[in-house]
């Protein structure tokens, strides 16, 4: 089975957001895959996609604080400033974290670890809706929807 689908994520405030449930709610087709892969491409250059802690929200706050120190707004050496002080730092954060993730699919579920979740890093003050292109590939279950 091969499937490609564009998902739209709801607008998020600046920061790191756990989006696993939001993504899976728009991807019921994953239930049909017994063994396979899910590739996620965030189609933006000022946000990021990564895997990290899914239980303690303080991790997301600490990630935001760290990346704001790493790529501060209004750095004197930035040339690309026409889209506001949060734009160039957003590009740097996206470049460091990346915009794509490939995960294994096992028995109709993302094969994430116990404490892992899919993160959207929203690096703009007003990023808006984000598009996520998902490509699923794998062998279909002969039993239908997985347990």
N, C-alpha and C. Protein backbone atom coordinates (compact mmCIF):
# COMPACT_ATOMS: atom_id res chain seq x y z
N UNK A 1 0.84 -1.18 0.00
CA UNK A 1 0.00 0.00 0.00
C UNK A 1 0.88 1.24 0.00
N UNK A 2 0.51 2.19 -0.82
CA UNK A 2 1.11 3.52 -0.82
C UNK A 2 -0.01 4.54 -0.71
N UNK A 3 0.19 5.55 0.12
CA UNK A 3 -0.79 6.60 0.27
C UNK A 3 -0.06 7.89 0.58
N UNK A 4 -0.48 8.97 -0.07
CA UNK A 4 0.08 10.28 0.25
C UNK A 4 -1.08 11.22 0.53
N UNK A 5 -0.96 11.97 1.62
CA UNK A 5 -2.06 12.80 2.08
C UNK A 5 -1.50 14.07 2.72
N UNK A 6 -2.12 15.20 2.40
CA UNK A 6 -1.72 16.48 3.03
C UNK A 6 -2.65 16.75 4.20
N UNK A 7 -2.06 16.96 5.36
CA UNK A 7 -2.82 17.30 6.56
C UNK A 7 -2.62 18.78 6.87
N UNK A 8 -3.62 19.38 7.48
CA UNK A 8 -3.51 20.77 7.93
C UNK A 8 -3.56 20.78 9.45
N UNK A 9 -2.51 21.34 10.03
CA UNK A 9 -2.44 21.45 11.49
C UNK A 9 -3.07 22.77 11.92
N UNK A 10 -3.76 22.74 13.03
CA UNK A 10 -4.36 23.97 13.54
C UNK A 10 -3.25 24.96 13.92
N UNK A 11 -3.52 26.26 13.79
CA UNK A 11 -2.52 27.25 14.17
C UNK A 11 -2.11 27.09 15.63
N UNK A 12 -0.84 27.26 15.86
CA UNK A 12 -0.28 27.11 17.21
C UNK A 12 0.45 28.39 17.61
N UNK A 13 0.50 28.64 18.89
CA UNK A 13 1.31 29.73 19.42
C UNK A 13 2.79 29.36 19.25
N UNK A 14 3.63 30.34 19.34
CA UNK A 14 5.05 30.08 19.28
C UNK A 14 5.43 29.12 20.39
N UNK A 15 6.28 28.14 20.06
CA UNK A 15 6.72 27.16 21.04
C UNK A 15 6.69 25.76 20.45
N UNK A 16 6.86 24.77 21.30
CA UNK A 16 6.86 23.37 20.89
C UNK A 16 5.56 22.72 21.31
N UNK A 17 4.97 21.97 20.39
CA UNK A 17 3.64 21.40 20.61
C UNK A 17 3.63 19.92 20.27
N UNK A 18 3.02 19.14 21.14
CA UNK A 18 2.83 17.72 20.90
C UNK A 18 1.65 17.57 19.94
N UNK A 19 1.90 17.01 18.75
CA UNK A 19 0.87 16.96 17.72
C UNK A 19 0.51 15.53 17.31
N UNK A 20 1.00 14.54 18.01
CA UNK A 20 0.75 13.14 17.65
C UNK A 20 -0.73 12.86 17.47
N UNK A 21 -1.54 13.20 18.45
CA UNK A 21 -2.98 12.91 18.38
C UNK A 21 -3.67 13.67 17.26
N UNK A 22 -3.30 14.93 17.05
CA UNK A 22 -3.90 15.72 15.98
C UNK A 22 -3.60 15.10 14.61
N UNK A 23 -2.37 14.64 14.44
CA UNK A 23 -1.97 14.01 13.17
C UNK A 23 -2.71 12.70 12.97
N UNK A 24 -2.73 11.85 13.99
CA UNK A 24 -3.38 10.55 13.85
C UNK A 24 -4.88 10.66 13.64
N UNK A 25 -5.50 11.70 14.19
CA UNK A 25 -6.94 11.90 13.98
C UNK A 25 -7.26 12.17 12.50
N UNK A 26 -6.29 12.71 11.78
CA UNK A 26 -6.48 12.98 10.35
C UNK A 26 -5.92 11.87 9.46
N UNK A 27 -5.44 10.79 10.07
CA UNK A 27 -4.77 9.74 9.32
C UNK A 27 -5.32 8.35 9.67
N UNK A 28 -6.62 8.14 9.52
CA UNK A 28 -7.19 6.84 9.88
C UNK A 28 -6.66 5.69 9.02
N UNK A 29 -6.11 6.01 7.86
CA UNK A 29 -5.58 4.98 6.96
C UNK A 29 -4.41 4.20 7.56
N UNK A 30 -3.77 4.76 8.56
CA UNK A 30 -2.64 4.08 9.18
C UNK A 30 -3.07 2.74 9.80
N UNK A 31 -4.34 2.64 10.20
CA UNK A 31 -4.87 1.41 10.79
C UNK A 31 -4.72 0.20 9.87
N UNK A 32 -4.67 0.46 8.58
CA UNK A 32 -4.61 -0.63 7.60
C UNK A 32 -3.21 -1.21 7.42
N UNK A 33 -2.19 -0.54 7.94
CA UNK A 33 -0.81 -0.98 7.72
C UNK A 33 -0.36 -1.92 8.83
N UNK A 34 0.08 -3.09 8.44
CA UNK A 34 0.62 -4.07 9.39
C UNK A 34 2.08 -3.76 9.69
N UNK A 35 2.88 -3.62 8.63
CA UNK A 35 4.30 -3.28 8.75
C UNK A 35 4.61 -2.24 7.69
N UNK A 36 5.19 -1.12 8.09
CA UNK A 36 5.50 -0.11 7.09
C UNK A 36 6.20 1.10 7.67
N UNK A 37 6.13 2.19 6.91
CA UNK A 37 6.77 3.44 7.28
C UNK A 37 5.81 4.60 7.05
N UNK A 38 5.94 5.60 7.89
CA UNK A 38 5.20 6.85 7.72
C UNK A 38 6.24 7.96 7.63
N UNK A 39 6.22 8.67 6.52
CA UNK A 39 7.13 9.80 6.34
C UNK A 39 6.32 11.08 6.46
N UNK A 40 6.78 12.00 7.29
CA UNK A 40 6.12 13.27 7.55
C UNK A 40 7.02 14.40 7.09
N UNK A 41 6.51 15.25 6.19
CA UNK A 41 7.25 16.41 5.72
C UNK A 41 6.45 17.67 6.06
N UNK A 42 6.99 18.49 6.92
CA UNK A 42 6.40 19.78 7.25
C UNK A 42 6.81 20.74 6.14
N UNK A 43 5.85 21.28 5.43
CA UNK A 43 6.15 22.06 4.23
C UNK A 43 6.34 23.54 4.53
N UNK A 44 7.23 23.83 5.47
CA UNK A 44 7.49 25.21 5.88
C UNK A 44 8.95 25.35 6.29
N UNK A 45 9.47 26.59 6.20
CA UNK A 45 10.87 26.84 6.55
C UNK A 45 11.03 27.61 7.86
N UNK A 46 9.93 27.86 8.55
CA UNK A 46 10.02 28.59 9.82
C UNK A 46 9.35 27.82 10.96
N UNK A 47 9.23 26.52 10.77
CA UNK A 47 8.72 25.62 11.81
C UNK A 47 9.51 24.32 11.67
N UNK A 48 9.39 23.45 12.66
CA UNK A 48 10.16 22.21 12.61
C UNK A 48 9.32 21.03 13.07
N UNK A 49 9.84 19.86 12.79
CA UNK A 49 9.20 18.61 13.16
C UNK A 49 10.25 17.73 13.82
N UNK A 50 9.91 17.16 14.96
CA UNK A 50 10.87 16.30 15.66
C UNK A 50 10.14 15.33 16.59
N UNK A 51 10.90 14.43 17.15
CA UNK A 51 10.39 13.46 18.12
C UNK A 51 11.00 13.80 19.47
N UNK A 52 10.16 13.84 20.51
CA UNK A 52 10.69 14.11 21.83
C UNK A 52 9.68 13.68 22.89
N UNK A 53 9.92 14.08 24.11
CA UNK A 53 9.15 13.73 25.32
C UNK A 53 7.65 14.01 25.15
N UNK A 54 6.83 13.03 25.46
CA UNK A 54 5.38 13.21 25.31
C UNK A 54 4.63 13.34 26.64
N UNK A 55 5.32 13.23 27.76
CA UNK A 55 4.61 13.19 29.04
C UNK A 55 4.72 14.50 29.83
N UNK A 56 5.90 15.07 29.90
CA UNK A 56 6.13 16.24 30.74
C UNK A 56 6.20 17.50 29.87
N UNK A 57 5.22 18.37 30.00
CA UNK A 57 5.16 19.58 29.18
C UNK A 57 6.31 20.55 29.47
N UNK A 58 6.98 20.40 30.59
CA UNK A 58 8.10 21.30 30.87
C UNK A 58 9.24 21.09 29.87
N UNK A 59 9.32 19.92 29.26
CA UNK A 59 10.33 19.68 28.23
C UNK A 59 10.09 20.64 27.06
N UNK A 60 8.84 20.81 26.67
CA UNK A 60 8.53 21.70 25.56
C UNK A 60 8.86 23.15 25.90
N UNK A 61 8.58 23.55 27.12
CA UNK A 61 8.94 24.92 27.55
C UNK A 61 10.45 25.10 27.57
N UNK A 62 11.18 24.10 28.06
CA UNK A 62 12.64 24.19 28.10
C UNK A 62 13.24 24.19 26.69
N UNK A 63 12.64 23.44 25.78
CA UNK A 63 13.11 23.45 24.39
C UNK A 63 12.96 24.87 23.81
N UNK A 64 11.82 25.48 24.02
CA UNK A 64 11.60 26.83 23.53
C UNK A 64 12.62 27.80 24.13
N UNK A 65 12.83 27.72 25.42
CA UNK A 65 13.78 28.62 26.09
C UNK A 65 15.19 28.42 25.53
N UNK A 66 15.60 27.18 25.36
CA UNK A 66 16.96 26.90 24.86
C UNK A 66 17.13 27.43 23.43
N UNK A 67 16.18 27.14 22.55
CA UNK A 67 16.33 27.58 21.17
C UNK A 67 16.23 29.09 21.03
N UNK A 68 15.53 29.77 21.94
CA UNK A 68 15.51 31.23 21.91
C UNK A 68 16.86 31.81 22.32
N UNK A 69 17.58 31.12 23.19
CA UNK A 69 18.94 31.53 23.54
C UNK A 69 19.89 31.25 22.39
N UNK A 70 19.71 30.11 21.75
CA UNK A 70 20.59 29.69 20.66
C UNK A 70 20.44 30.58 19.43
N UNK A 71 19.21 30.96 19.11
CA UNK A 71 18.92 31.80 17.94
C UNK A 71 18.06 32.97 18.38
N UNK A 72 18.67 34.00 18.97
CA UNK A 72 17.90 35.11 19.52
C UNK A 72 17.37 36.05 18.43
N UNK A 73 16.28 36.71 18.75
CA UNK A 73 15.76 37.74 17.85
C UNK A 73 16.68 38.96 17.87
N UNK A 74 16.64 39.73 16.79
CA UNK A 74 17.35 41.01 16.67
C UNK A 74 18.87 40.89 16.78
N UNK A 75 19.43 39.74 16.41
CA UNK A 75 20.89 39.63 16.41
C UNK A 75 21.45 40.62 15.39
N UNK A 76 22.47 41.35 15.78
CA UNK A 76 23.03 42.42 14.94
C UNK A 76 23.56 41.90 13.60
N UNK A 77 23.93 40.65 13.53
CA UNK A 77 24.53 40.10 12.31
C UNK A 77 23.49 39.56 11.31
N UNK A 78 22.21 39.53 11.65
CA UNK A 78 21.19 39.05 10.72
C UNK A 78 21.00 40.05 9.57
N UNK A 79 20.97 39.54 8.37
CA UNK A 79 20.70 40.34 7.18
C UNK A 79 19.24 40.16 6.75
N UNK A 80 18.74 38.95 6.88
CA UNK A 80 17.36 38.64 6.49
C UNK A 80 16.42 39.08 7.62
N UNK A 81 15.98 40.32 7.55
CA UNK A 81 15.16 40.89 8.63
C UNK A 81 13.85 41.50 8.14
N UNK A 82 13.57 41.42 6.84
CA UNK A 82 12.40 42.12 6.29
C UNK A 82 11.07 41.53 6.74
N UNK A 83 11.05 40.30 7.24
CA UNK A 83 9.79 39.67 7.67
C UNK A 83 9.61 39.69 9.18
N UNK A 84 10.39 40.49 9.86
CA UNK A 84 10.24 40.64 11.30
C UNK A 84 11.36 39.98 12.09
N UNK A 85 11.48 40.35 13.36
CA UNK A 85 12.60 39.86 14.17
C UNK A 85 12.53 38.38 14.50
N UNK A 86 11.36 37.75 14.36
CA UNK A 86 11.26 36.31 14.66
C UNK A 86 11.54 35.43 13.45
N UNK A 87 11.68 36.03 12.25
CA UNK A 87 11.79 35.24 11.03
C UNK A 87 13.14 34.52 10.89
N UNK A 88 14.24 35.24 10.95
CA UNK A 88 15.54 34.58 10.77
C UNK A 88 15.81 33.57 11.88
N UNK A 89 15.51 33.87 13.15
CA UNK A 89 15.67 32.83 14.17
C UNK A 89 14.81 31.60 13.87
N UNK A 90 13.62 31.80 13.30
CA UNK A 90 12.75 30.67 12.94
C UNK A 90 13.41 29.79 11.89
N UNK A 91 14.06 30.41 10.90
CA UNK A 91 14.74 29.63 9.87
C UNK A 91 15.91 28.84 10.46
N UNK A 92 16.63 29.45 11.37
CA UNK A 92 17.76 28.75 12.01
C UNK A 92 17.25 27.55 12.81
N UNK A 93 16.20 27.75 13.60
CA UNK A 93 15.64 26.65 14.41
C UNK A 93 15.13 25.53 13.52
N UNK A 94 14.45 25.88 12.44
CA UNK A 94 13.95 24.87 11.49
C UNK A 94 15.11 24.11 10.87
N UNK A 95 16.16 24.83 10.50
CA UNK A 95 17.33 24.19 9.90
C UNK A 95 18.02 23.23 10.85
N UNK A 96 18.09 23.59 12.12
CA UNK A 96 18.74 22.73 13.12
C UNK A 96 17.91 21.49 13.45
N UNK A 97 16.62 21.68 13.62
CA UNK A 97 15.75 20.57 14.02
C UNK A 97 15.25 19.75 12.84
N UNK A 98 15.09 20.39 11.70
CA UNK A 98 14.61 19.70 10.51
C UNK A 98 13.11 19.83 10.33
N UNK A 99 12.67 19.37 9.16
CA UNK A 99 11.25 19.50 8.83
C UNK A 99 10.65 18.16 8.40
N UNK A 100 11.38 17.08 8.61
CA UNK A 100 10.84 15.78 8.24
C UNK A 100 11.27 14.70 9.23
N UNK A 101 10.38 13.70 9.34
CA UNK A 101 10.60 12.57 10.23
C UNK A 101 10.03 11.33 9.55
N UNK A 102 10.74 10.23 9.63
CA UNK A 102 10.22 8.95 9.15
C UNK A 102 10.12 8.02 10.35
N UNK A 103 8.95 7.42 10.52
CA UNK A 103 8.70 6.53 11.65
C UNK A 103 8.20 5.18 11.17
N UNK A 104 8.57 4.11 11.88
CA UNK A 104 8.01 2.81 11.55
C UNK A 104 6.54 2.73 11.97
N UNK A 105 5.80 1.95 11.20
CA UNK A 105 4.41 1.65 11.53
C UNK A 105 4.33 0.16 11.81
N UNK A 106 3.73 -0.18 12.92
CA UNK A 106 3.60 -1.58 13.32
C UNK A 106 2.18 -1.84 13.80
N UNK A 107 1.52 -2.77 13.15
CA UNK A 107 0.15 -3.16 13.53
C UNK A 107 -0.79 -1.96 13.64
N UNK A 108 -0.73 -1.09 12.63
CA UNK A 108 -1.65 0.03 12.56
C UNK A 108 -1.34 1.21 13.45
N UNK A 109 -0.15 1.24 14.04
CA UNK A 109 0.22 2.32 14.95
C UNK A 109 1.63 2.81 14.67
N UNK A 110 1.87 4.09 14.97
CA UNK A 110 3.24 4.58 14.91
C UNK A 110 4.03 3.86 15.99
N UNK A 111 5.19 3.35 15.64
CA UNK A 111 6.00 2.59 16.59
C UNK A 111 6.92 3.53 17.37
N UNK A 112 6.29 4.42 18.10
CA UNK A 112 7.02 5.35 18.97
C UNK A 112 7.34 4.68 20.29
N UNK A 113 8.39 5.14 20.96
CA UNK A 113 8.69 4.65 22.29
C UNK A 113 7.67 5.15 23.29
N UNK A 114 7.69 4.59 24.46
CA UNK A 114 6.72 4.92 25.51
C UNK A 114 6.62 6.41 25.78
N UNK A 115 7.73 7.11 25.80
CA UNK A 115 7.73 8.52 26.17
C UNK A 115 7.95 9.43 24.97
N UNK A 116 7.69 8.94 23.77
CA UNK A 116 7.94 9.73 22.56
C UNK A 116 6.66 10.23 21.92
N UNK A 117 6.75 11.44 21.37
CA UNK A 117 5.64 12.02 20.62
C UNK A 117 6.17 12.88 19.51
N UNK A 118 5.31 13.19 18.57
CA UNK A 118 5.66 14.03 17.43
C UNK A 118 5.47 15.49 17.83
N UNK A 119 6.52 16.28 17.64
CA UNK A 119 6.51 17.70 18.00
C UNK A 119 6.44 18.58 16.77
N UNK A 120 5.63 19.62 16.86
CA UNK A 120 5.72 20.75 15.94
C UNK A 120 6.44 21.84 16.71
N UNK A 121 7.52 22.33 16.15
CA UNK A 121 8.16 23.52 16.69
C UNK A 121 7.65 24.71 15.90
N UNK A 122 6.82 25.53 16.52
CA UNK A 122 6.34 26.74 15.85
C UNK A 122 7.28 27.86 16.24
N UNK A 123 8.04 28.34 15.27
CA UNK A 123 9.10 29.29 15.57
C UNK A 123 8.76 30.74 15.21
N UNK A 124 7.55 30.98 14.71
CA UNK A 124 7.10 32.34 14.41
C UNK A 124 6.07 32.76 15.46
N UNK A 125 5.98 34.05 15.67
CA UNK A 125 4.98 34.56 16.61
C UNK A 125 3.56 34.33 16.10
N UNK A 126 3.39 34.34 14.78
CA UNK A 126 2.07 34.10 14.18
C UNK A 126 2.27 33.23 12.93
N UNK A 127 2.57 31.96 13.16
CA UNK A 127 2.87 31.06 12.05
C UNK A 127 1.66 30.64 11.24
N UNK A 128 0.52 30.56 11.87
CA UNK A 128 -0.69 30.15 11.16
C UNK A 128 -0.80 28.65 10.99
N UNK A 129 -1.68 28.25 10.07
CA UNK A 129 -1.85 26.82 9.79
C UNK A 129 -0.58 26.28 9.14
N UNK A 130 -0.27 25.06 9.45
CA UNK A 130 0.91 24.41 8.87
C UNK A 130 0.46 23.18 8.10
N UNK A 131 1.11 22.94 6.96
CA UNK A 131 0.80 21.78 6.11
C UNK A 131 1.81 20.67 6.36
N UNK A 132 1.30 19.47 6.49
CA UNK A 132 2.13 18.30 6.73
C UNK A 132 1.79 17.28 5.65
N UNK A 133 2.77 16.95 4.81
CA UNK A 133 2.57 15.95 3.77
C UNK A 133 3.02 14.60 4.34
N UNK A 134 2.09 13.65 4.36
CA UNK A 134 2.36 12.33 4.94
C UNK A 134 2.36 11.30 3.82
N UNK A 135 3.40 10.47 3.79
CA UNK A 135 3.46 9.36 2.85
C UNK A 135 3.51 8.07 3.67
N UNK A 136 2.50 7.23 3.47
CA UNK A 136 2.45 5.93 4.13
C UNK A 136 2.80 4.86 3.12
N UNK A 137 3.61 3.91 3.54
CA UNK A 137 3.92 2.76 2.71
C UNK A 137 4.02 1.54 3.61
N UNK A 138 3.55 0.42 3.11
CA UNK A 138 3.68 -0.80 3.90
C UNK A 138 2.72 -1.87 3.46
N UNK A 139 2.84 -2.99 4.12
CA UNK A 139 1.96 -4.11 3.81
C UNK A 139 0.67 -3.95 4.59
N UNK A 140 -0.42 -4.19 3.90
CA UNK A 140 -1.73 -4.05 4.54
C UNK A 140 -2.04 -5.27 5.39
N UNK A 141 -2.72 -5.02 6.46
CA UNK A 141 -3.16 -6.09 7.34
C UNK A 141 -4.26 -6.89 6.64
N UNK A 142 -4.21 -8.18 6.78
CA UNK A 142 -5.25 -9.03 6.21
C UNK A 142 -6.44 -9.15 7.16
N UNK A 143 -6.29 -8.58 8.35
CA UNK A 143 -7.34 -8.67 9.37
C UNK A 143 -8.17 -7.39 9.46
N UNK A 144 -7.87 -6.39 8.64
CA UNK A 144 -8.62 -5.14 8.73
C UNK A 144 -8.04 -4.23 9.81
N UNK A 145 -8.87 -3.55 10.49
CA UNK A 145 -8.43 -2.62 11.53
C UNK A 145 -7.72 -3.38 12.64
N UNK A 146 -6.60 -2.79 13.07
CA UNK A 146 -5.77 -3.44 14.08
C UNK A 146 -6.34 -3.27 15.49
N UNK A 147 -5.95 -4.15 16.38
CA UNK A 147 -6.37 -4.10 17.78
C UNK A 147 -5.71 -2.95 18.50
